[in-house]
Amino acid sequence: TPGRDLVAIGPAEGRLAALSTILNALPATFQAPVLVALRTHPQSVQTLVRIMNGYSCMPVSYACEGRFPRAGHAYLPPAGVDLVIRPGGVIGLDDRDTTPRGMRPIDRLFSSAATMHGRRLIGVLLSGCDGEGTLGLSAIKESHGVVVLEDPERAAVPSLLLRAPDPDSLHHVARLEGIATLLTTLVDG
């Protein structure tokens, strides 16, 4: 099994509680960085990282252009930008106004991370994305990365999650409460 050295999470807007559940359950010694494709709003910029740090054993911070993501850290995009991985594996922040048509934040993060990390990537798609993440999940699958899908039977918004690619083609389907344990197992190999 190849080493997995990057986790990209795609929560739907308004799923901060779900994201908090995962970050709270990941150990402080988690051996991969966690990048989150989240639409942050200007009014939440001052408080979102502080709130998320209250629910996480690992440090949570806003991503910075050109920096390498560090293992055991979680990164959120600042307001108005999409988080991507650039050549060389560094963090990139792209203005939403430059987003290619049809590419939403989760798709951009998943696709760019799949291009740079390939089979070393784990992509996690949570419920409520209304089809967002479909292109990114395909990119992860094509690059032989690992896909984790929140269990549609127990998801907060199951009908929206079922718009993702055929669940039978996904590598793992897990309950929200079990995703952190699964990630730890996948990263530790």
C-alpha atoms as a PDB file:
ATOM      1  CA  THR A   1       0.000   0.000   0.000  1.00  0.00           C
ATOM      2  CA  PRO A   2       1.475   3.367  -0.976  1.00  0.00           C
ATOM      3  CA  GLY A   3       1.886   5.997   1.721  1.00  0.00           C
ATOM      4  CA  ARG A   4      -0.911   8.515   1.947  1.00  0.00           C
ATOM      5  CA  ASP A   5       0.453  11.957   2.710  1.00  0.00           C
ATOM      6  CA  LEU A   6      -2.380  14.411   2.046  1.00  0.00           C
ATOM      7  CA  VAL A   7      -6.048  14.529   3.040  1.00  0.00           C
ATOM      8  CA  ALA A   8      -8.473  16.820   1.209  1.00  0.00           C
ATOM      9  CA  ILE A   9     -11.939  17.252   2.705  1.00  0.00           C
ATOM     10  CA  GLY A  10     -14.947  18.611   0.872  1.00  0.00           C
ATOM     11  CA  PRO A  11     -17.717  19.612   3.266  1.00  0.00           C
ATOM     12  CA  ALA A  12     -20.833  21.348   1.994  1.00  0.00           C
ATOM     13  CA  GLU A  13     -21.481  24.901   3.026  1.00  0.00           C
ATOM     14  CA  GLY A  14     -23.013  24.860   6.472  1.00  0.00           C
ATOM     15  CA  ARG A  15     -21.378  21.541   7.462  1.00  0.00           C
ATOM     16  CA  LEU A  16     -18.963  22.999  10.002  1.00  0.00           C
ATOM     17  CA  ALA A  17     -20.308  20.644  12.662  1.00  0.00           C
ATOM     18  CA  ALA A  18     -19.463  17.663  10.445  1.00  0.00           C
ATOM     19  CA  LEU A  19     -15.979  19.034   9.779  1.00  0.00           C
ATOM     20  CA  SER A  20     -15.532  19.635  13.515  1.00  0.00           C
ATOM     21  CA  THR A  21     -16.492  16.015  14.214  1.00  0.00           C
ATOM     22  CA  ILE A  22     -13.675  14.793  11.968  1.00  0.00           C
ATOM     23  CA  LEU A  23     -11.035  17.270  13.167  1.00  0.00           C
ATOM     24  CA  ASN A  24     -11.895  16.595  16.807  1.00  0.00           C
ATOM     25  CA  ALA A  25     -11.397  12.851  16.316  1.00  0.00           C
ATOM     26  CA  LEU A  26      -8.072  13.062  14.448  1.00  0.00           C
ATOM     27  CA  PRO A  27      -5.112  12.612  16.790  1.00  0.00           C
ATOM     28  CA  ALA A  28      -2.630  15.428  17.377  1.00  0.00           C
ATOM     29  CA  THR A  29      -0.004  13.065  15.935  1.00  0.00           C
ATOM     30  CA  PHE A  30      -1.847  12.661  12.599  1.00  0.00           C
ATOM     31  CA  GLN A  31       0.825  12.106   9.941  1.00  0.00           C
ATOM     32  CA  ALA A  32      -0.679  14.079   7.038  1.00  0.00           C
ATOM     33  CA  PRO A  33      -1.840  17.629   6.396  1.00  0.00           C
ATOM     34  CA  VAL A  34      -5.582  18.193   6.034  1.00  0.00           C
ATOM     35  CA  LEU A  35      -6.792  20.708   3.448  1.00  0.00           C
ATOM     36  CA  VAL A  36     -10.431  21.784   3.506  1.00  0.00           C
ATOM     37  CA  ALA A  37     -12.362  23.141   0.528  1.00  0.00           C
ATOM     38  CA  LEU A  38     -14.666  25.464   2.399  1.00  0.00           C
ATOM     39  CA  ARG A  39     -16.374  28.649   1.298  1.00  0.00           C
ATOM     40  CA  THR A  40     -15.380  31.143   3.961  1.00  0.00           C
ATOM     41  CA  HIS A  41     -17.196  34.433   4.202  1.00  0.00           C
ATOM     42  CA  PRO A  42     -15.503  37.762   5.010  1.00  0.00           C
ATOM     43  CA  GLN A  43     -17.536  38.154   8.217  1.00  0.00           C
ATOM     44  CA  SER A  44     -16.278  34.788   9.506  1.00  0.00           C
ATOM     45  CA  VAL A  45     -12.598  35.372   8.786  1.00  0.00           C
ATOM     46  CA  GLN A  46     -11.722  36.522  12.296  1.00  0.00           C
ATOM     47  CA  THR A  47     -13.531  33.759  14.147  1.00  0.00           C
ATOM     48  CA  LEU A  48     -13.635  30.623  11.997  1.00  0.00           C
ATOM     49  CA  VAL A  49     -10.079  29.438  12.687  1.00  0.00           C
ATOM     50  CA  ARG A  50     -10.462  30.209  16.404  1.00  0.00           C
ATOM     51  CA  ILE A  51     -13.714  28.214  16.522  1.00  0.00           C
ATOM     52  CA  MET A  52     -12.266  25.279  14.565  1.00  0.00           C
ATOM     53  CA  ASN A  53      -9.187  25.197  16.815  1.00  0.00           C
ATOM     54  CA  GLY A  54     -11.576  24.693  19.718  1.00  0.00           C
ATOM     55  CA  TYR A  55     -12.758  21.460  18.076  1.00  0.00           C
ATOM     56  CA  SER A  56      -9.459  20.082  16.871  1.00  0.00           C
ATOM     57  CA  CYS A  57      -6.507  18.310  18.427  1.00  0.00           C
ATOM     58  CA  MET A  58      -4.356  19.559  15.555  1.00  0.00           C
ATOM     59  CA  PRO A  59      -3.684  23.223  14.760  1.00  0.00           C
ATOM     60  CA  VAL A  60      -6.103  24.810  12.280  1.00  0.00           C
ATOM     61  CA  SER A  61      -5.022  27.879  10.313  1.00  0.00           C
ATOM     62  CA  TYR A  62      -5.735  29.768   7.140  1.00  0.00           C
ATOM     63  CA  ALA A  63      -3.696  28.556   4.196  1.00  0.00           C
ATOM     64  CA  CYS A  64      -0.933  30.759   2.779  1.00  0.00           C
ATOM     65  CA  GLU A  65       0.109  30.878  -0.876  1.00  0.00           C
ATOM     66  CA  GLY A  66       3.357  29.064  -1.657  1.00  0.00           C
ATOM     67  CA  ARG A  67       3.751  27.231   1.640  1.00  0.00           C
ATOM     68  CA  PHE A  68       4.112  23.500   1.995  1.00  0.00           C
ATOM     69  CA  PRO A  69       1.298  21.946   4.029  1.00  0.00           C
ATOM     70  CA  ARG A  70       2.609  20.388   7.244  1.00  0.00           C
ATOM     71  CA  ALA A  71       1.613  17.021   8.654  1.00  0.00           C
ATOM     72  CA  GLY A  72      -0.644  17.299  11.659  1.00  0.00           C
ATOM     73  CA  HIS A  73      -2.098  20.648  10.578  1.00  0.00           C
ATOM     74  CA  ALA A  74      -5.459  21.544   9.045  1.00  0.00           C
ATOM     75  CA  TYR A  75      -5.781  24.399   6.535  1.00  0.00           C
ATOM     76  CA  LEU A  76      -8.820  26.446   5.569  1.00  0.00           C
ATOM     77  CA  PRO A  77      -8.961  28.886   2.648  1.00  0.00           C
ATOM     78  CA  PRO A  78      -9.214  32.592   3.466  1.00  0.00           C
ATOM     79  CA  ALA A  79     -12.403  34.364   2.378  1.00  0.00           C
ATOM     80  CA  GLY A  80     -13.060  34.627  -1.343  1.00  0.00           C
ATOM     81  CA  VAL A  81     -10.426  32.173  -2.564  1.00  0.00           C
ATOM     82  CA  ASP A  82     -10.250  28.517  -3.496  1.00  0.00           C
ATOM     83  CA  LEU A  83      -7.619  26.291  -1.959  1.00  0.00           C
ATOM     84  CA  VAL A  84      -5.566  24.320  -4.506  1.00  0.00           C
ATOM     85  CA  ILE A  85      -2.280  22.431  -4.682  1.00  0.00           C
ATOM     86  CA  ARG A  86       0.258  23.905  -7.087  1.00  0.00           C
ATOM     87  CA  PRO A  87       3.167  22.185  -8.847  1.00  0.00           C
ATOM     88  CA  GLY A  88       5.761  21.150  -6.331  1.00  0.00           C
ATOM     89  CA  GLY A  89       3.068  20.386  -3.761  1.00  0.00           C
ATOM     90  CA  VAL A  90       2.725  23.893  -2.343  1.00  0.00           C
ATOM     91  CA  ILE A  91      -0.533  25.500  -1.314  1.00  0.00           C
ATOM     92  CA  GLY A  92      -2.173  27.810  -3.804  1.00  0.00           C
ATOM     93  CA  LEU A  93      -4.964  30.321  -3.312  1.00  0.00           C
ATOM     94  CA  ASP A  94      -6.963  31.178  -6.438  1.00  0.00           C
ATOM     95  CA  ASP A  95      -9.410  34.047  -6.586  1.00  0.00           C
ATOM     96  CA  ARG A  96     -12.934  32.716  -7.102  1.00  0.00           C
ATOM     97  CA  ASP A  97     -13.381  35.117 -10.029  1.00  0.00           C
ATOM     98  CA  THR A  98     -10.825  33.051 -11.970  1.00  0.00           C
ATOM     99  CA  THR A  99     -12.590  29.742 -11.318  1.00  0.00           C
ATOM    100  CA  PRO A 100     -13.035  27.759 -14.545  1.00  0.00           C
ATOM    101  CA  ARG A 101     -16.664  27.266 -15.430  1.00  0.00           C
ATOM    102  CA  GLY A 102     -18.146  24.245 -13.682  1.00  0.00           C
ATOM    103  CA  MET A 103     -15.271  23.924 -11.195  1.00  0.00           C
ATOM    104  CA  ARG A 104     -16.425  24.637  -7.670  1.00  0.00           C
ATOM    105  CA  PRO A 105     -14.122  24.784  -4.601  1.00  0.00           C
ATOM    106  CA  ILE A 106     -14.277  21.063  -3.753  1.00  0.00           C
ATOM    107  CA  ASP A 107     -13.637  20.060  -7.368  1.00  0.00           C
ATOM    108  CA  ARG A 108     -10.703  22.472  -7.618  1.00  0.00           C
ATOM    109  CA  LEU A 109      -9.027  21.192  -4.456  1.00  0.00           C
ATOM    110  CA  PHE A 110      -9.628  17.518  -5.247  1.00  0.00           C
ATOM    111  CA  SER A 111      -8.493  17.849  -8.881  1.00  0.00           C
ATOM    112  CA  SER A 112      -5.343  19.845  -8.134  1.00  0.00           C
ATOM    113  CA  ALA A 113      -4.405  17.568  -5.236  1.00  0.00           C
ATOM    114  CA  ALA A 114      -4.977  14.483  -7.415  1.00  0.00           C
ATOM    115  CA  THR A 115      -2.677  15.921 -10.079  1.00  0.00           C
ATOM    116  CA  MET A 116       0.126  16.612  -7.597  1.00  0.00           C
ATOM    117  CA  HIS A 117      -0.271  13.742  -5.093  1.00  0.00           C
ATOM    118  CA  GLY A 118      -1.879  10.996  -7.175  1.00  0.00           C
ATOM    119  CA  ARG A 119      -2.128   7.747  -5.258  1.00  0.00           C
ATOM    120  CA  ARG A 120      -0.844   9.451  -2.087  1.00  0.00           C
ATOM    121  CA  LEU A 121      -4.078  11.496  -1.781  1.00  0.00           C
ATOM    122  CA  ILE A 122      -7.161  10.740   0.292  1.00  0.00           C
ATOM    123  CA  GLY A 123     -10.245  12.727  -0.717  1.00  0.00           C
ATOM    124  CA  VAL A 124     -13.208  12.909   1.665  1.00  0.00           C
ATOM    125  CA  LEU A 125     -16.616  14.071   0.419  1.00  0.00           C
ATOM    126  CA  LEU A 126     -19.258  14.883   3.011  1.00  0.00           C
ATOM    127  CA  SER A 127     -22.993  15.090   2.439  1.00  0.00           C
ATOM    128  CA  GLY A 128     -24.885  18.144   1.261  1.00  0.00           C
ATOM    129  CA  CYS A 129     -22.597  19.051  -1.633  1.00  0.00           C
ATOM    130  CA  ASP A 130     -25.390  18.977  -4.236  1.00  0.00           C
ATOM    131  CA  GLY A 131     -23.174  17.336  -6.846  1.00  0.00           C
ATOM    132  CA  GLU A 132     -20.103  19.408  -6.004  1.00  0.00           C
ATOM    133  CA  GLY A 133     -17.038  17.214  -5.823  1.00  0.00           C
ATOM    134  CA  THR A 134     -18.088  14.870  -8.629  1.00  0.00           C
ATOM    135  CA  LEU A 135     -15.359  16.101 -10.989  1.00  0.00           C
ATOM    136  CA  GLY A 136     -12.794  16.058  -8.210  1.00  0.00           C
ATOM    137  CA  LEU A 137     -13.698  12.531  -7.127  1.00  0.00           C
ATOM    138  CA  SER A 138     -13.234  11.367 -10.709  1.00  0.00           C
ATOM    139  CA  ALA A 139      -9.783  12.982 -10.778  1.00  0.00           C
ATOM    140  CA  ILE A 140      -8.820  11.250  -7.522  1.00  0.00           C
ATOM    141  CA  LYS A 141     -10.025   7.905  -8.847  1.00  0.00           C
ATOM    142  CA  GLU A 142      -8.118   8.346 -12.132  1.00  0.00           C
ATOM    143  CA  SER A 143      -4.926   9.193 -10.238  1.00  0.00           C
ATOM    144  CA  HIS A 144      -5.370   6.068  -8.066  1.00  0.00           C
ATOM    145  CA  GLY A 145      -5.912   8.088  -4.900  1.00  0.00           C
ATOM    146  CA  VAL A 146      -8.297   6.940  -2.180  1.00  0.00           C
ATOM    147  CA  VAL A 147     -11.866   8.210  -1.976  1.00  0.00           C
ATOM    148  CA  VAL A 148     -13.907   8.308   1.224  1.00  0.00           C
ATOM    149  CA  LEU A 149     -17.602   9.103   0.980  1.00  0.00           C
ATOM    150  CA  GLU A 150     -19.814   9.868   3.961  1.00  0.00           C
ATOM    151  CA  ASP A 151     -22.326   7.031   4.259  1.00  0.00           C
ATOM    152  CA  PRO A 152     -25.432   8.165   2.316  1.00  0.00           C
ATOM    153  CA  GLU A 153     -27.679   6.065   4.560  1.00  0.00           C
ATOM    154  CA  ARG A 154     -26.667   8.093   7.607  1.00  0.00           C
ATOM    155  CA  ALA A 155     -25.707  11.427   6.008  1.00  0.00           C
ATOM    156  CA  ALA A 156     -27.296  14.723   7.038  1.00  0.00           C
ATOM    157  CA  VAL A 157     -28.496  15.360   3.475  1.00  0.00           C
ATOM    158  CA  PRO A 158     -28.434  11.904   1.854  1.00  0.00           C
ATOM    159  CA  SER A 159     -30.233  12.771  -1.375  1.00  0.00           C
ATOM    160  CA  LEU A 160     -27.600  15.357  -2.249  1.00  0.00           C
ATOM    161  CA  LEU A 161     -24.703  13.034  -1.482  1.00  0.00           C
ATOM    162  CA  LEU A 162     -26.098  10.368  -3.799  1.00  0.00           C
ATOM    163  CA  ARG A 163     -25.393  12.672  -6.758  1.00  0.00           C
ATOM    164  CA  ALA A 164     -21.717  11.800  -6.377  1.00  0.00           C
ATOM    165  CA  PRO A 165     -20.258   9.101  -8.657  1.00  0.00           C
ATOM    166  CA  ASP A 166     -21.540   5.550  -8.294  1.00  0.00           C
ATOM    167  CA  PRO A 167     -20.915   4.627  -4.632  1.00  0.00           C
ATOM    168  CA  ASP A 168     -19.957   1.096  -5.723  1.00  0.00           C
ATOM    169  CA  SER A 169     -16.865   2.545  -7.425  1.00  0.00           C
ATOM    170  CA  LEU A 170     -15.690   4.376  -4.289  1.00  0.00           C
ATOM    171  CA  HIS A 171     -12.981   2.942  -2.096  1.00  0.00           C
ATOM    172  CA  HIS A 172     -14.612   3.587   1.286  1.00  0.00           C
ATOM    173  CA  VAL A 173     -18.034   4.574   2.558  1.00  0.00           C
ATOM    174  CA  ALA A 174     -18.035   5.531   6.245  1.00  0.00           C
ATOM    175  CA  ARG A 175     -20.275   7.041   8.880  1.00  0.00           C
ATOM    176  CA  LEU A 176     -19.255  10.575   9.823  1.00  0.00           C
ATOM    177  CA  GLU A 177     -18.172   9.406  13.277  1.00  0.00           C
ATOM    178  CA  GLY A 178     -15.866   6.775  11.745  1.00  0.00           C
ATOM    179  CA  ILE A 179     -14.119   8.907   9.125  1.00  0.00           C
ATOM    180  CA  ALA A 180     -11.283  10.082  11.402  1.00  0.00           C
ATOM    181  CA  THR A 181     -10.450   6.511  12.451  1.00  0.00           C
ATOM    182  CA  LEU A 182     -10.477   5.429   8.802  1.00  0.00           C
ATOM    183  CA  LEU A 183      -8.203   8.342   7.828  1.00  0.00           C
ATOM    184  CA  THR A 184      -5.753   7.490  10.584  1.00  0.00           C
ATOM    185  CA  THR A 185      -5.643   3.871   9.402  1.00  0.00           C
ATOM    186  CA  LEU A 186      -5.148   4.888   5.763  1.00  0.00           C
ATOM    187  CA  VAL A 187      -2.386   7.387   6.554  1.00  0.00           C
ATOM    188  CA  ASP A 188      -0.545   5.098   8.955  1.00  0.00           C
ATOM    189  CA  GLY A 189      -0.753   2.310   6.361  1.00  0.00           C
END
